[in-house]
PDB file of N, CA and C in Angstrom:
ATOM      1  N   MET A   1       8.922 -23.288  10.845  1.00  0.00           N
ATOM      2  CA  MET A   1       9.933 -23.452   9.888  1.00  0.00           C
ATOM      3  C   MET A   1      10.035 -22.760   9.014  1.00  0.00           C
ATOM      4  N   VAL A   2      11.214 -22.095   9.005  1.00  0.00           N
ATOM      5  CA  VAL A   2      11.391 -20.752   7.699  1.00  0.00           C
ATOM      6  C   VAL A   2      12.019 -21.563   6.533  1.00  0.00           C
ATOM      7  N   THR A   3      11.064 -21.041   5.739  1.00  0.00           N
ATOM      8  CA  THR A   3      11.511 -22.091   4.258  1.00  0.00           C
ATOM      9  C   THR A   3      12.186 -20.587   3.294  1.00  0.00           C
ATOM     10  N   GLU A   4      12.492 -21.529   2.233  1.00  0.00           N
ATOM     11  CA  GLU A   4      13.442 -20.311   1.320  1.00  0.00           C
ATOM     12  C   GLU A   4      12.836 -19.114   0.775  1.00  0.00           C
ATOM     13  N   ASN A   5      11.569 -19.373   0.703  1.00  0.00           N
ATOM     14  CA  ASN A   5      10.373 -18.162   0.068  1.00  0.00           C
ATOM     15  C   ASN A   5      10.285 -17.295   1.528  1.00  0.00           C
ATOM     16  N   ASP A   6      10.217 -17.661   2.273  1.00  0.00           N
ATOM     17  CA  ASP A   6      10.189 -16.901   3.570  1.00  0.00           C
ATOM     18  C   ASP A   6      11.450 -15.550   3.713  1.00  0.00           C
ATOM     19  N   ILE A   7      12.644 -16.382   3.397  1.00  0.00           N
ATOM     20  CA  ILE A   7      13.860 -15.475   3.402  1.00  0.00           C
ATOM     21  C   ILE A   7      13.852 -14.385   2.299  1.00  0.00           C
ATOM     22  N   ILE A   8      13.025 -15.327   1.063  1.00  0.00           N
ATOM     23  CA  ILE A   8      13.404 -14.133  -0.162  1.00  0.00           C
ATOM     24  C   ILE A   8      13.101 -12.603   0.034  1.00  0.00           C
ATOM     25  N   PHE A   9      11.149 -13.774   0.723  1.00  0.00           N
ATOM     26  CA  PHE A   9      10.252 -12.254   0.855  1.00  0.00           C
ATOM     27  C   PHE A   9      10.917 -11.465   1.913  1.00  0.00           C
ATOM     28  N   ASP A  10      11.633 -11.840   2.828  1.00  0.00           N
ATOM     29  CA  ASP A  10      12.025 -10.887   3.891  1.00  0.00           C
ATOM     30  C   ASP A  10      13.262 -10.305   3.694  1.00  0.00           C
ATOM     31  N   ASP A  11      14.339 -10.367   2.620  1.00  0.00           N
ATOM     32  CA  ASP A  11      14.902  -9.694   1.451  1.00  0.00           C
ATOM     33  C   ASP A  11      14.427  -9.047   0.469  1.00  0.00           C
ATOM     34  N   LEU A  12      13.179  -9.143  -0.040  1.00  0.00           N
ATOM     35  CA  LEU A  12      12.515  -8.122  -0.787  1.00  0.00           C
ATOM     36  C   LEU A  12      11.888  -7.445  -0.186  1.00  0.00           C
ATOM     37  N   TYR A  13      10.965  -7.416   1.244  1.00  0.00           N
ATOM     38  CA  TYR A  13       9.506  -6.800   1.286  1.00  0.00           C
ATOM     39  C   TYR A  13      10.309  -5.259   1.568  1.00  0.00           C
ATOM     40  N   GLU A  14      11.144  -5.246   1.991  1.00  0.00           N
ATOM     41  CA  GLU A  14      11.458  -3.802   2.584  1.00  0.00           C
ATOM     42  C   GLU A  14      11.628  -2.823   1.160  1.00  0.00           C
ATOM     43  N   ASP A  15      12.227  -3.133   0.549  1.00  0.00           N
ATOM     44  CA  ASP A  15      12.656  -2.421  -0.642  1.00  0.00           C
ATOM     45  C   ASP A  15      11.435  -1.945  -1.526  1.00  0.00           C
ATOM     46  N   ILE A  16      11.022  -3.030  -1.129  1.00  0.00           N
ATOM     47  CA  ILE A  16       9.633  -2.883  -2.205  1.00  0.00           C
ATOM     48  C   ILE A  16       8.011  -2.376  -1.468  1.00  0.00           C
ATOM     49  N   ALA A  17       8.288  -2.854  -0.205  1.00  0.00           N
ATOM     50  CA  ALA A  17       7.770  -1.732   0.266  1.00  0.00           C
ATOM     51  C   ALA A  17       7.719  -0.184   0.218  1.00  0.00           C
ATOM     52  N   GLU A  18       8.864   0.053   0.633  1.00  0.00           N
ATOM     53  CA  GLU A  18       9.735   1.486   0.298  1.00  0.00           C
ATOM     54  C   GLU A  18       9.097   2.043  -1.152  1.00  0.00           C
ATOM     55  N   LYS A  19       9.093   1.144  -2.285  1.00  0.00           N
ATOM     56  CA  LYS A  19       9.042   1.967  -3.654  1.00  0.00           C
ATOM     57  C   LYS A  19       7.838   2.297  -3.613  1.00  0.00           C
ATOM     58  N   LEU A  20       6.549   1.209  -3.196  1.00  0.00           N
ATOM     59  CA  LEU A  20       5.025   1.138  -2.888  1.00  0.00           C
ATOM     60  C   LEU A  20       4.679   2.619  -2.350  1.00  0.00           C
ATOM     61  N   ASP A  21       5.581   2.872  -0.926  1.00  0.00           N
ATOM     62  CA  ASP A  21       5.016   3.996  -0.500  1.00  0.00           C
ATOM     63  C   ASP A  21       5.376   5.120  -1.169  1.00  0.00           C
ATOM     64  N   SER A  22       6.838   5.056  -1.768  1.00  0.00           N
ATOM     65  CA  SER A  22       6.879   6.298  -2.523  1.00  0.00           C
ATOM     66  C   SER A  22       6.178   6.621  -3.630  1.00  0.00           C
ATOM     67  N   ILE A  23       5.601   5.499  -4.173  1.00  0.00           N
ATOM     68  CA  ILE A  23       5.078   5.875  -5.412  1.00  0.00           C
ATOM     69  C   ILE A  23       3.135   6.298  -5.144  1.00  0.00           C
ATOM     70  N   LEU A  24       2.876   5.894  -4.011  1.00  0.00           N
ATOM     71  CA  LEU A  24       1.816   6.376  -3.452  1.00  0.00           C
ATOM     72  C   LEU A  24       1.617   7.546  -2.908  1.00  0.00           C
ATOM     73  N   ASP A  25       3.162   7.713  -2.343  1.00  0.00           N
ATOM     74  CA  ASP A  25       2.800   9.199  -1.823  1.00  0.00           C
ATOM     75  C   ASP A  25       3.145  10.614  -3.066  1.00  0.00           C
ATOM     76  N   GLU A  26       3.776   9.897  -4.061  1.00  0.00           N
ATOM     77  CA  GLU A  26       4.040  10.917  -5.887  1.00  0.00           C
ATOM     78  C   GLU A  26       2.293  11.340  -6.187  1.00  0.00           C
ATOM     79  N   VAL A  27       1.665   9.675  -6.111  1.00  0.00           N
ATOM     80  CA  VAL A  27       0.484  10.339  -6.813  1.00  0.00           C
ATOM     81  C   VAL A  27      -0.166  11.035  -5.495  1.00  0.00           C
ATOM     82  N   ILE A  28      -0.639  10.846  -4.657  1.00  0.00           N
ATOM     83  CA  ILE A  28      -1.329  11.576  -3.875  1.00  0.00           C
ATOM     84  C   ILE A  28      -1.326  13.377  -4.089  1.00  0.00           C
ATOM     85  N   ALA A  29       0.536  13.388  -4.075  1.00  0.00           N
ATOM     86  CA  ALA A  29       0.666  14.619  -4.318  1.00  0.00           C
ATOM     87  C   ALA A  29       0.380  14.999  -5.761  1.00  0.00           C
ATOM     88  N   ASP A  30       0.371  14.563  -6.957  1.00  0.00           N
ATOM     89  CA  ASP A  30      -0.061  15.197  -8.307  1.00  0.00           C
ATOM     90  C   ASP A  30      -1.608  15.254  -7.894  1.00  0.00           C
ATOM     91  N   ILE A  31      -2.128  14.253  -7.505  1.00  0.00           N
ATOM     92  CA  ILE A  31      -4.084  14.332  -6.989  1.00  0.00           C
ATOM     93  C   ILE A  31      -4.372  15.610  -6.620  1.00  0.00           C
ATOM     94  N   GLU A  32      -3.501  15.968  -5.406  1.00  0.00           N
ATOM     95  CA  GLU A  32      -3.725  16.953  -5.011  1.00  0.00           C
ATOM     96  C   GLU A  32      -3.580  18.215  -5.377  1.00  0.00           C
ATOM     97  N   GLU A  33      -2.622  18.382  -5.917  1.00  0.00           N
ATOM     98  CA  GLU A  33      -1.914  19.259  -7.085  1.00  0.00           C
ATOM     99  C   GLU A  33      -3.178  19.831  -8.253  1.00  0.00           C
ATOM    100  N   ASP A  34      -3.351  18.511  -9.253  1.00  0.00           N
ATOM    101  CA  ASP A  34      -4.313  18.218  -9.911  1.00  0.00           C
ATOM    102  C   ASP A  34      -5.808  18.731  -9.798  1.00  0.00           C
ATOM    103  N   TRP A  35      -5.984  18.688  -8.688  1.00  0.00           N
ATOM    104  CA  TRP A  35      -7.601  18.654  -8.485  1.00  0.00           C
ATOM    105  C   TRP A  35      -7.951  19.657  -7.436  1.00  0.00           C
ATOM    106  N   GLY A  36      -6.724  19.964  -7.120  1.00  0.00           N
ATOM    107  CA  GLY A  36      -7.069  21.474  -6.191  1.00  0.00           C
ATOM    108  C   GLY A  36      -7.597  20.747  -4.437  1.00  0.00           C
ATOM    109  N   ILE A  37      -7.172  19.849  -4.328  1.00  0.00           N
ATOM    110  CA  ILE A  37      -8.114  18.905  -3.348  1.00  0.00           C
ATOM    111  C   ILE A  37      -6.977  19.254  -1.786  1.00  0.00           C
ATOM    112  N   SER A  38      -7.544  19.795  -1.038  1.00  0.00           N
ATOM    113  CA  SER A  38      -6.314  19.610   0.400  1.00  0.00           C
ATOM    114  C   SER A  38      -6.082  18.458   1.321  1.00  0.00           C
ATOM    115  N   SER A  39      -4.705  18.617   1.838  1.00  0.00           N
ATOM    116  CA  SER A  39      -4.134  17.242   2.534  1.00  0.00           C
ATOM    117  C   SER A  39      -5.530  16.212   3.144  1.00  0.00           C
ATOM    118  N   ASP A  40      -5.743  16.915   4.035  1.00  0.00           N
ATOM    119  CA  ASP A  40      -6.959  16.815   4.752  1.00  0.00           C
ATOM    120  C   ASP A  40      -7.804  15.276   4.009  1.00  0.00           C
ATOM    121  N   MET A  41      -8.425  16.567   3.040  1.00  0.00           N
ATOM    122  CA  MET A  41     -10.042  15.251   1.958  1.00  0.00           C
ATOM    123  C   MET A  41      -8.793  14.548   1.404  1.00  0.00           C
ATOM    124  N   MET A  42      -7.177  14.707   0.884  1.00  0.00           N
ATOM    125  CA  MET A  42      -7.102  13.414   0.347  1.00  0.00           C
ATOM    126  C   MET A  42      -6.381  12.439   0.976  1.00  0.00           C
ATOM    127  N   MET A  43      -6.231  12.790   2.441  1.00  0.00           N
ATOM    128  CA  MET A  43      -5.703  11.897   3.287  1.00  0.00           C
ATOM    129  C   MET A  43      -7.133  10.771   3.702  1.00  0.00           C
ATOM    130  N   ARG A  44      -8.079  11.731   3.848  1.00  0.00           N
ATOM    131  CA  ARG A  44      -9.764  11.122   4.029  1.00  0.00           C
ATOM    132  C   ARG A  44      -9.909  10.185   2.806  1.00  0.00           C
ATOM    133  N   ILE A  45      -9.644  10.813   1.762  1.00  0.00           N
ATOM    134  CA  ILE A  45     -10.187  10.139   0.683  1.00  0.00           C
ATOM    135  C   ILE A  45      -9.119   8.285   0.334  1.00  0.00           C
ATOM    136  N   VAL A  46      -8.317   9.035   0.820  1.00  0.00           N
ATOM    137  CA  VAL A  46      -6.610   7.598   1.128  1.00  0.00           C
ATOM    138  C   VAL A  46      -7.643   6.787   2.002  1.00  0.00           C
ATOM    139  N   GLU A  47      -7.671   6.970   2.942  1.00  0.00           N
ATOM    140  CA  GLU A  47      -8.150   6.254   4.121  1.00  0.00           C
ATOM    141  C   GLU A  47      -9.137   5.303   3.410  1.00  0.00           C
ATOM    142  N   THR A  48      -9.906   6.079   2.892  1.00  0.00           N
ATOM    143  CA  THR A  48     -11.331   5.279   2.651  1.00  0.00           C
ATOM    144  C   THR A  48     -11.255   4.425   1.531  1.00  0.00           C
ATOM    145  N   TRP A  49     -10.094   5.035   0.529  1.00  0.00           N
ATOM    146  CA  TRP A  49     -10.220   3.946  -0.525  1.00  0.00           C
ATOM    147  C   TRP A  49      -9.193   2.589   0.117  1.00  0.00           C
ATOM    148  N   SER A  50      -8.039   2.815   0.972  1.00  0.00           N
ATOM    149  CA  SER A  50      -7.441   1.682   1.628  1.00  0.00           C
ATOM    150  C   SER A  50      -8.086   0.704   2.188  1.00  0.00           C
ATOM    151  N   SER A  51      -9.332   1.378   2.680  1.00  0.00           N
ATOM    152  CA  SER A  51     -10.354   0.418   3.507  1.00  0.00           C
ATOM    153  C   SER A  51     -10.868  -0.586   2.711  1.00  0.00           C
ATOM    154  N   GLY A  52     -11.472  -0.542   1.313  1.00  0.00           N
ATOM    155  CA  GLY A  52     -11.827  -1.020   0.252  1.00  0.00           C
ATOM    156  C   GLY A  52     -11.122  -1.651  -0.945  1.00  0.00           C
ATOM    157  N   VAL A  53      -9.630  -1.536  -0.973  1.00  0.00           N
ATOM    158  CA  VAL A  53      -8.807  -2.385  -2.029  1.00  0.00           C
ATOM    159  C   VAL A  53      -8.460  -3.269  -2.351  1.00  0.00           C
ATOM    160  N   SER A  54      -8.634  -4.116  -1.148  1.00  0.00           N
ATOM    161  CA  SER A  54      -8.740  -5.651  -1.037  1.00  0.00           C
ATOM    162  C   SER A  54      -9.528  -6.306  -1.867  1.00  0.00           C
ATOM    163  N   ILE A  55     -10.650  -5.839  -2.004  1.00  0.00           N
ATOM    164  CA  ILE A  55     -12.358  -6.163  -2.747  1.00  0.00           C
ATOM    165  C   ILE A  55     -12.174  -5.825  -3.969  1.00  0.00           C
ATOM    166  N   ARG A  56     -11.559  -5.157  -4.245  1.00  0.00           N
ATOM    167  CA  ARG A  56     -11.058  -4.412  -6.064  1.00  0.00           C
ATOM    168  C   ARG A  56      -9.791  -4.874  -6.389  1.00  0.00           C
ATOM    169  N   LEU A  57      -9.070  -5.174  -6.052  1.00  0.00           N
ATOM    170  CA  LEU A  57      -7.697  -5.889  -6.601  1.00  0.00           C
ATOM    171  C   LEU A  57      -7.714  -6.985  -6.028  1.00  0.00           C
ATOM    172  N   PRO A  58      -6.958  -7.885  -6.426  1.00  0.00           N
ATOM    173  CA  PRO A  58      -6.408  -9.705  -6.442  1.00  0.00           C
ATOM    174  C   PRO A  58      -5.590  -9.811  -4.939  1.00  0.00           C
ATOM    175  N   LEU A  59      -5.876  -9.268  -4.183  1.00  0.00           N
ATOM    176  CA  LEU A  59      -5.028  -9.497  -2.735  1.00  0.00           C
ATOM    177  C   LEU A  59      -6.144 -10.559  -2.155  1.00  0.00           C
ATOM    178  N   THR A  60      -4.719 -11.089  -1.242  1.00  0.00           N
ATOM    179  CA  THR A  60      -5.231 -12.428  -0.541  1.00  0.00           C
ATOM    180  C   THR A  60      -4.307 -12.182   0.826  1.00  0.00           C
ATOM    181  N   ILE A  61      -5.075 -12.272   1.801  1.00  0.00           N
ATOM    182  CA  ILE A  61      -4.517 -12.105   3.560  1.00  0.00           C
ATOM    183  C   ILE A  61      -4.327 -13.467   3.856  1.00  0.00           C
ATOM    184  N   THR A  62      -3.349 -13.881   4.275  1.00  0.00           N
ATOM    185  CA  THR A  62      -3.807 -15.232   5.051  1.00  0.00           C
ATOM    186  C   THR A  62      -3.281 -15.406   6.844  1.00  0.00           C
ATOM    187  N   LYS A  63      -3.593 -15.577   7.343  1.00  0.00           N
ATOM    188  CA  LYS A  63      -3.428 -15.516   8.577  1.00  0.00           C
ATOM    189  C   LYS A  63      -2.502 -16.977   9.372  1.00  0.00           C
ATOM    190  N   GLU A  64      -2.017 -16.812   9.900  1.00  0.00           N
ATOM    191  CA  GLU A  64      -0.772 -18.019  10.791  1.00  0.00           C
ATOM    192  C   GLU A  64      -1.917 -18.453  11.598  1.00  0.00           C
ATOM    193  N   GLU A  65      -1.699 -19.312  12.046  1.00  0.00           N
ATOM    194  CA  GLU A  65      -1.979 -20.258  12.792  1.00  0.00           C
ATOM    195  C   GLU A  65      -1.443 -20.052  14.080  1.00  0.00           C
ATOM    196  N   GLU A  66      -2.196 -19.672  15.346  1.00  0.00           N
ATOM    197  CA  GLU A  66      -1.221 -19.294  16.106  1.00  0.00           C
ATOM    198  C   GLU A  66      -1.088 -20.896  17.200  1.00  0.00           C
TER     199      GLU A  66
END
């Protein structure tokens, strides 16, 4: 069953995800420039960071029942 919250989520998600992606891209570019880090090294750092981010931030992941 689709709820009102599902509809609101669907309306907001794309724009907010795009905004978050844009902000992260900007921060990554700033760090590369400020610290003199290569793109390859920065991507390695971001990939490692992203694997542990849910532990450090109050994020929850829910799975729908199949």
